[in-house]
Protein backbone atom coordinates (compact mmCIF):
# COMPACT_ATOMS: atom_id res chain seq x y z
CA UNK A 1 112.73 108.63 105.97
CA UNK A 2 112.87 109.66 102.32
CA UNK A 3 111.75 113.28 102.11
CA UNK A 4 113.00 113.81 98.57
CA UNK A 5 111.98 111.76 95.56
CA UNK A 6 115.04 110.00 94.20
CA UNK A 7 115.47 108.57 90.74
CA UNK A 8 114.77 104.87 90.36
CA UNK A 9 118.42 104.36 89.44
CA UNK A 10 119.51 106.03 92.70
CA UNK A 11 117.12 103.92 94.77
CA UNK A 12 118.49 100.72 93.26
CA UNK A 13 122.13 101.86 93.58
CA UNK A 14 121.76 102.98 97.21
CA UNK A 15 119.84 99.89 98.30
CA UNK A 16 121.43 97.19 96.16
CA UNK A 17 121.89 94.76 99.07
CA UNK A 18 118.19 94.81 99.96
CA UNK A 19 117.23 94.55 96.30
CA UNK A 20 119.63 91.68 95.62
CA UNK A 21 118.15 89.77 98.57
CA UNK A 22 114.60 90.37 97.31
CA UNK A 23 115.54 89.17 93.82
CA UNK A 24 117.07 86.00 95.28
CA UNK A 25 114.04 85.51 97.53
CA UNK A 26 111.65 85.73 94.57
CA UNK A 27 113.56 82.97 92.78
CA UNK A 28 113.88 80.78 95.88
CA UNK A 29 110.14 81.02 96.50
CA UNK A 30 109.49 79.82 92.95
CA UNK A 31 111.57 76.74 93.76
CA UNK A 32 109.93 76.15 97.15
CA UNK A 33 106.32 76.43 96.01
CA UNK A 34 106.88 74.16 93.02
CA UNK A 35 104.91 74.33 89.78
CA UNK A 36 101.29 73.65 88.98
CA UNK A 37 100.59 70.33 87.27
CA UNK A 38 98.92 71.82 84.22
CA UNK A 39 98.06 68.35 82.89
CA UNK A 40 95.93 67.54 85.94
CA UNK A 41 92.23 67.27 84.94
CA UNK A 42 91.38 69.11 88.17
CA UNK A 43 92.68 72.30 86.53
CA UNK A 44 91.11 71.73 83.11
CA UNK A 45 88.80 74.76 83.47
CA UNK A 46 91.36 77.04 85.12
CA UNK A 47 92.21 80.43 83.64
CA UNK A 48 95.76 79.49 82.68
CA UNK A 49 94.51 77.06 80.03
CA UNK A 50 93.29 80.04 78.00
CA UNK A 51 96.77 81.56 78.03
CA UNK A 52 98.29 78.26 76.90
CA UNK A 53 95.86 78.08 73.96
CA UNK A 54 96.70 81.67 73.03
CA UNK A 55 100.44 80.95 73.19
CA UNK A 56 100.01 77.87 70.99
CA UNK A 57 98.30 80.05 68.36
CA UNK A 58 101.05 82.70 68.43
CA UNK A 59 101.89 84.72 66.38
CA UNK A 60 98.24 84.42 65.39
CA UNK A 61 95.28 85.05 67.69
CA UNK A 62 93.01 82.27 68.93
CA UNK A 63 89.58 83.86 68.84
CA UNK A 64 87.99 80.75 70.34
CA UNK A 65 89.37 81.82 73.72
CA UNK A 66 86.63 83.38 75.82
CA UNK A 67 86.43 86.94 77.10
CA UNK A 68 88.27 88.67 78.73
CA UNK A 69 91.31 86.40 78.29
CA UNK A 70 91.34 86.74 74.51
CA UNK A 71 92.12 90.45 74.87
CA UNK A 72 95.25 89.84 76.99
CA UNK A 73 97.40 89.13 74.00
CA UNK A 74 100.96 90.31 74.74
CA UNK A 75 102.26 87.77 77.28
CA UNK A 76 100.85 84.67 75.51
CA UNK A 77 102.13 86.06 72.21
CA UNK A 78 105.67 86.38 73.60
CA UNK A 79 105.42 82.93 75.22
CA UNK A 80 104.44 81.52 71.85
CA UNK A 81 107.30 82.96 69.82
CA UNK A 82 110.19 82.17 72.18
CA UNK A 83 112.27 79.22 70.94
CA UNK A 84 111.52 76.79 73.77
CA UNK A 85 108.49 74.77 74.85
CA UNK A 86 105.36 76.68 75.90
CA UNK A 87 105.89 75.52 79.50
CA UNK A 88 109.52 76.71 79.55
CA UNK A 89 108.67 80.02 77.89
CA UNK A 90 106.05 80.86 80.50
CA UNK A 91 108.48 79.81 83.22
CA UNK A 92 111.19 82.14 81.92
CA UNK A 93 108.73 85.03 81.65
CA UNK A 94 107.46 84.33 85.16
CA UNK A 95 110.96 84.52 86.67
CA UNK A 96 111.46 87.92 85.03
CA UNK A 97 107.97 89.15 85.96
CA UNK A 98 108.36 88.32 89.65
CA UNK A 99 111.69 90.14 89.81
CA UNK A 100 110.05 93.17 88.19
CA UNK A 101 107.12 92.95 90.61
CA UNK A 102 109.44 92.78 93.62
CA UNK A 103 111.43 95.81 92.46
CA UNK A 104 108.33 97.87 91.74
CA UNK A 105 106.98 97.17 95.24
CA UNK A 106 110.23 98.12 96.97
CA UNK A 107 110.35 101.37 94.96
CA UNK A 108 106.71 102.08 95.85
CA UNK A 109 107.39 101.77 99.59
CA UNK A 110 110.62 103.74 99.35
CA UNK A 111 108.84 106.55 97.49
CA UNK A 112 106.20 106.76 100.22
CA UNK A 113 108.51 107.69 103.07
CA UNK A 114 109.35 104.32 104.55
CA UNK A 115 112.92 103.63 105.64
CA UNK A 116 114.95 101.30 103.40
CA UNK A 117 114.83 98.62 106.12
CA UNK A 118 111.06 98.83 106.47
CA UNK A 119 110.60 98.94 102.68
CA UNK A 120 112.61 95.71 102.51
CA UNK A 121 110.56 94.05 105.27
CA UNK A 122 107.24 95.06 103.70
CA UNK A 123 108.34 93.83 100.26
CA UNK A 124 109.41 90.51 101.78
CA UNK A 125 106.00 90.32 103.48
CA UNK A 126 104.38 90.78 100.06
CA UNK A 127 106.56 88.03 98.60
CA UNK A 128 105.40 85.67 101.33
CA UNK A 129 101.71 86.38 100.74
CA UNK A 130 99.85 83.28 99.54
CA UNK A 131 97.57 84.96 97.04
CA UNK A 132 99.41 88.05 95.83
CA UNK A 133 102.83 86.52 95.14
CA UNK A 134 103.16 82.81 95.94
CA UNK A 135 100.19 81.91 93.75
CA UNK A 136 102.14 83.41 90.87
CA UNK A 137 105.33 81.52 91.77
CA UNK A 138 103.34 78.28 91.63
CA UNK A 139 101.26 79.06 88.55
CA UNK A 140 103.73 80.39 85.99
CA UNK A 141 101.02 80.75 83.34
CA UNK A 142 99.50 83.74 85.20
CA UNK A 143 102.45 85.94 84.19
CA UNK A 144 100.09 88.71 83.12
CA UNK A 145 98.95 89.09 86.74
CA UNK A 146 102.47 89.68 88.02
CA UNK A 147 103.43 92.05 85.19
CA UNK A 148 100.27 94.15 85.39
CA UNK A 149 100.53 94.38 89.18
CA UNK A 150 104.10 95.61 88.87
CA UNK A 151 103.04 98.21 86.31
CA UNK A 152 100.23 99.48 88.56
CA UNK A 153 102.60 99.85 91.53
CA UNK A 154 105.32 101.45 89.41
CA UNK A 155 102.75 103.86 87.96
CA UNK A 156 102.26 105.41 91.41
CA UNK A 157 105.96 106.28 91.38
CA UNK A 158 105.81 107.61 87.81
CA UNK A 159 102.81 109.81 88.61
CA UNK A 160 104.47 111.10 91.77
CA UNK A 161 107.54 112.04 89.72
CA UNK A 162 105.36 113.49 86.90
CA UNK A 163 107.35 111.22 84.59
CA UNK A 164 104.87 111.19 81.74
CA UNK A 165 106.87 109.87 78.80
CA UNK A 166 107.44 106.38 80.25
CA UNK A 167 103.75 106.24 81.18
CA UNK A 168 102.77 107.23 77.64
CA UNK A 169 104.73 104.26 76.32
CA UNK A 170 104.02 101.70 79.03
CA UNK A 171 100.40 102.28 79.96
CA UNK A 172 98.55 101.78 76.64
CA UNK A 173 100.62 98.64 76.01
CA UNK A 174 99.82 97.41 79.53
CA UNK A 175 96.12 97.34 78.69
CA UNK A 176 96.96 94.50 76.28
CA UNK A 177 98.64 92.60 79.12
CA UNK A 178 95.73 92.81 81.53
CA UNK A 179 93.00 95.41 81.65
CA UNK A 180 93.08 96.09 85.36
CA UNK A 181 96.07 98.42 84.99
CA UNK A 182 93.34 101.02 84.34
CA UNK A 183 92.30 100.92 88.00
CA UNK A 184 94.93 103.50 88.88
CA UNK A 185 93.45 106.21 86.63
CA UNK A 186 90.90 107.70 89.10
CA UNK A 187 93.40 107.75 91.98
CA UNK A 188 96.11 109.20 89.77
CA UNK A 189 93.85 112.03 88.69
CA UNK A 190 92.85 112.72 92.30
CA UNK A 191 96.53 112.81 93.30
CA UNK A 192 97.21 115.49 90.68
CA UNK A 193 94.34 117.55 92.10
CA UNK A 194 95.37 117.35 95.76
CA UNK A 195 99.05 117.93 94.93
CA UNK A 196 98.07 121.06 92.99
CA UNK A 197 99.83 119.96 89.84
CA UNK A 198 100.44 122.19 86.87
CA UNK A 199 98.01 122.42 83.97
CA UNK A 200 100.41 120.63 81.64
CA UNK A 201 100.51 117.63 84.00
CA UNK A 202 96.72 117.30 83.71
CA UNK A 203 97.01 117.50 79.93
CA UNK A 204 99.63 114.76 79.80
CA UNK A 205 97.60 112.60 82.16
CA UNK A 206 94.44 113.12 80.13
CA UNK A 207 96.24 112.11 76.92
CA UNK A 208 97.68 108.96 78.53
CA UNK A 209 94.27 108.04 79.98
CA UNK A 210 92.46 108.68 76.70
CA UNK A 211 94.91 106.56 74.69
CA UNK A 212 94.80 103.72 77.23
CA UNK A 213 91.00 103.63 77.38
CA UNK A 214 90.86 103.80 73.59
CA UNK A 215 93.11 100.72 73.40
CA UNK A 216 90.83 98.97 75.89
CA UNK A 217 87.78 99.69 73.72
CA UNK A 218 89.46 99.15 70.36
CA UNK A 219 90.83 95.68 71.14
CA UNK A 220 87.29 94.60 72.00
CA UNK A 221 86.12 95.83 68.61
CA UNK A 222 88.95 94.24 66.66
CA UNK A 223 88.95 90.83 68.35
CA UNK A 224 85.53 89.21 68.38
CA UNK A 225 84.79 86.43 70.86
CA UNK A 226 81.39 84.96 71.64
CA UNK A 227 82.50 83.00 74.68
CA UNK A 228 82.55 84.20 78.27
CA UNK A 229 80.22 86.44 80.21
CA UNK A 230 79.78 90.14 79.64
CA UNK A 231 81.24 92.55 82.20
CA UNK A 232 77.75 93.32 83.49
CA UNK A 233 76.87 89.66 84.06
CA UNK A 234 80.23 88.97 85.72
CA UNK A 235 79.81 91.89 88.08
CA UNK A 236 76.21 91.29 89.16
CA UNK A 237 76.82 87.57 89.68
CA UNK A 238 79.85 88.16 91.87
CA UNK A 239 78.21 90.96 93.89
CA UNK A 240 75.30 88.69 94.80
CA UNK A 241 77.55 85.72 95.59
CA UNK A 242 80.26 87.48 97.60
CA UNK A 243 77.92 89.70 99.56
CA UNK A 244 77.24 86.80 101.92
CA UNK A 245 78.74 87.59 105.37
CA UNK A 246 81.06 84.56 105.50
CA UNK A 247 82.38 85.25 102.01
CA UNK A 248 83.12 88.86 102.91
CA UNK A 249 85.85 87.45 105.16
CA UNK A 250 87.25 85.70 102.11
CA UNK A 251 87.44 89.07 100.35
CA UNK A 252 88.65 91.43 103.07
CA UNK A 253 90.52 89.31 105.64
CA UNK A 254 91.90 86.06 104.21
CA UNK A 255 93.85 87.52 101.23
CA UNK A 256 95.76 89.88 103.54
CA UNK A 257 96.81 87.22 106.05
CA UNK A 258 98.52 87.70 108.52
CA UNK A 259 97.44 91.37 108.50
CA UNK A 260 93.73 90.76 107.97
CA UNK A 261 92.60 92.01 111.39
CA UNK A 262 94.75 95.14 111.55
CA UNK A 263 92.17 97.58 110.05
CA UNK A 264 89.66 96.45 112.69
CA UNK A 265 91.95 97.07 115.67
CA UNK A 266 93.57 100.15 114.15
CA UNK A 267 90.53 101.72 112.52
CA UNK A 268 91.30 105.19 113.90
CA UNK A 269 94.79 105.05 112.41
CA UNK A 270 93.28 103.80 109.14
CA UNK A 271 90.92 106.77 108.95
CA UNK A 272 93.85 109.12 109.63
CA UNK A 273 95.89 107.35 106.94
CA UNK A 274 93.16 107.82 104.33
CA UNK A 275 92.70 111.44 105.38
CA UNK A 276 96.40 112.13 104.82
CA UNK A 277 96.62 109.98 101.67
CA UNK A 278 93.18 110.61 100.20
CA UNK A 279 94.15 109.39 96.72
CA UNK A 280 94.72 105.96 98.26
CA UNK A 281 91.15 106.06 99.57
CA UNK A 282 89.90 106.60 96.01
CA UNK A 283 92.17 103.79 94.84
CA UNK A 284 90.88 101.47 97.58
CA UNK A 285 87.26 102.08 96.62
CA UNK A 286 88.11 101.45 92.96
CA UNK A 287 89.88 98.15 93.68
CA UNK A 288 87.12 96.91 95.98
CA UNK A 289 84.47 97.79 93.43
CA UNK A 290 86.26 96.08 90.56
CA UNK A 291 87.21 93.03 92.67
CA UNK A 292 83.66 91.75 92.15
CA UNK A 293 84.56 90.83 88.57
CA UNK A 294 86.18 87.58 89.68
CA UNK A 295 88.05 85.71 92.40
CA UNK A 296 88.43 88.04 95.40
CA UNK A 297 91.83 86.77 96.53
CA UNK A 298 93.50 87.59 93.23
CA UNK A 299 91.54 90.73 92.37
CA UNK A 300 92.30 92.32 95.74
CA UNK A 301 96.02 92.06 94.90
CA UNK A 302 96.26 95.66 93.55
CA UNK A 303 95.23 96.86 97.02
CA UNK A 304 98.09 94.98 98.69
CA UNK A 305 100.71 97.75 98.56
CA UNK A 306 98.38 100.36 100.06
CA UNK A 307 97.38 97.84 102.73
CA UNK A 308 101.04 97.08 103.50
CA UNK A 309 101.94 100.77 103.44
CA UNK A 310 99.36 101.28 106.19
CA UNK A 311 100.85 98.31 108.08
CA UNK A 312 104.22 100.00 107.69
CA UNK A 313 102.86 103.17 109.30
CA UNK A 314 101.68 101.10 112.29
CA UNK A 315 105.04 99.37 112.57
CA UNK A 316 106.92 102.69 112.43
CA UNK A 317 104.71 104.05 115.21
CA UNK A 318 105.20 100.95 117.36
CA UNK A 319 108.97 100.95 116.93
CA UNK A 320 109.14 104.66 117.71
CA UNK A 321 106.96 104.40 120.83
CA UNK A 322 107.59 100.96 122.32
CA UNK A 323 110.56 99.13 120.82
CA UNK A 324 114.08 100.15 121.78
CA UNK A 325 116.84 100.41 119.18
CA UNK A 326 118.64 97.33 120.47
CA UNK A 327 115.41 95.31 120.30
CA UNK A 328 114.31 96.45 116.83
CA UNK A 329 115.96 93.50 115.08
CA UNK A 330 114.14 91.14 117.45
CA UNK A 331 110.81 92.78 116.67
CA UNK A 332 111.38 92.44 112.92
CA UNK A 333 112.50 88.83 113.36
CA UNK A 334 109.32 87.89 115.21
CA UNK A 335 107.26 89.88 112.70
CA UNK A 336 108.80 88.02 109.74
CA UNK A 337 108.47 84.68 111.53
CA UNK A 338 104.69 85.20 111.67
CA UNK A 339 104.68 86.36 108.05
CA UNK A 340 106.62 83.24 107.04
CA UNK A 341 104.15 80.99 108.89
CA UNK A 342 101.34 82.71 106.96
CA UNK A 343 102.87 81.39 103.74
CA UNK A 344 102.06 77.79 104.73
CA UNK A 345 99.25 76.46 102.56
CA UNK A 346 97.86 73.13 101.39
CA UNK A 347 98.22 73.79 97.64
CA UNK A 348 101.05 76.20 96.82
CA UNK A 349 102.51 77.11 100.20
CA UNK A 350 106.22 77.29 100.85
CA UNK A 351 105.44 74.59 103.39
CA UNK A 352 102.60 72.34 102.20
CA UNK A 353 99.94 71.78 104.83
CA UNK A 354 98.01 68.48 104.83
CA UNK A 355 94.52 69.86 104.19
CA UNK A 356 92.29 72.86 103.55
CA UNK A 357 91.08 72.70 107.14
CA UNK A 358 94.62 72.97 108.50
CA UNK A 359 95.21 75.96 106.21
CA UNK A 360 92.15 77.64 107.70
CA UNK A 361 93.43 76.99 111.23
CA UNK A 362 96.81 78.47 110.29
CA UNK A 363 95.07 81.51 108.85
CA UNK A 364 93.27 82.16 112.14
CA UNK A 365 96.42 81.58 114.20
CA UNK A 366 98.79 83.84 112.26
CA UNK A 367 96.25 86.69 112.03
CA UNK A 368 95.78 86.45 115.79
CA UNK A 369 99.51 86.30 116.51
CA UNK A 370 100.17 89.38 114.39
CA UNK A 371 97.59 91.40 116.31
CA UNK A 372 99.05 90.19 119.61
CA UNK A 373 102.53 91.23 118.46
CA UNK A 374 101.44 94.71 117.39
CA UNK A 375 99.04 95.47 120.24
CA UNK A 376 101.28 93.96 122.90
CA UNK A 377 104.60 95.32 121.71
CA UNK A 378 105.14 97.44 124.81
CA UNK A 379 104.71 94.40 127.07
CA UNK A 380 106.60 92.04 124.76
CA UNK A 381 109.48 94.53 124.74
CA UNK A 382 109.83 94.13 128.48
CA UNK A 383 109.33 90.35 128.53
CA UNK A 384 111.23 89.18 125.44
CA UNK A 385 113.02 91.91 123.54
CA UNK A 386 115.11 93.55 126.26
CA UNK A 387 118.60 92.16 126.41
CA UNK A 388 119.63 91.21 129.89
CA UNK A 389 122.24 93.43 131.41
């Protein structure tokens, strides 16, 4: 375990083999999922078309793009000024963004007392998630999603280190990449309270928050767009629609496949986890509340690292109590095999399934298999994992 907070440079230097593998994996998954056919009429109303229009107008601003996309100016602006085609520019940026996202996740897990091996396994599990990572490997125009996610996850590490200067530079700029980087602010403040931080830390955090929120407000005053729904209309519409029981599964279970059932079977451990890491409870409530502004699969992505951190706690407990040292590699292999199967999907999966219905069946199967693996580890250890003498 990592009892002391190391510098980011030290984490990368001491774990370069894991990190190199994760970087290679992120690029391989881009190749395996393929690229979205952005000329297909089926995607004519998709979000990425707004970013393409904004890039085409760069270095100017296309104010015909609807809210809130018109305010996310930095990534399309960069994609528009690079010397290649718009498609190639977004592709280059996406390769870089997914490497950054992978690194920020590994650092997050490492900072929160997971072993290097487990941090690697959890990061690889994130990379194999259909909605949080593979969707971005397939749709290179959603670069802002990957970058802003990485910034949110890295911000946890910066706050934990009280490293305010990088946050002062990065965070206000990040609001112009995608506004949901602001979701960390309540949890960050709560962390400073429970960790009994110094007065100057609160001052720095207040200044960073004030500047970032000011940028959020100011850009909406400077850039005028009549298109798109207001935040209030977006929220109320989504709350009504996604409050249906069946669609709640789409919000709270499906995006986290194959780990979607774990909070149900390990609810006592989940309550203990939130009691010990109460700032993550605040963060979870914030993400869930704001996820009603759009598609649940994508907007639950900021919650993924906290979710996986909890999964990591369960795995650590299982390995400590039920899995012998010589069988640990077998446990991880079976675990990652289920995670890999969860990446199969009919649109952008690493392995393309023939239909939506088959994808649903796979979702049920892999969620069930993961629960069987975790709950039955003590029996599986005896049946499968033990090497014969």
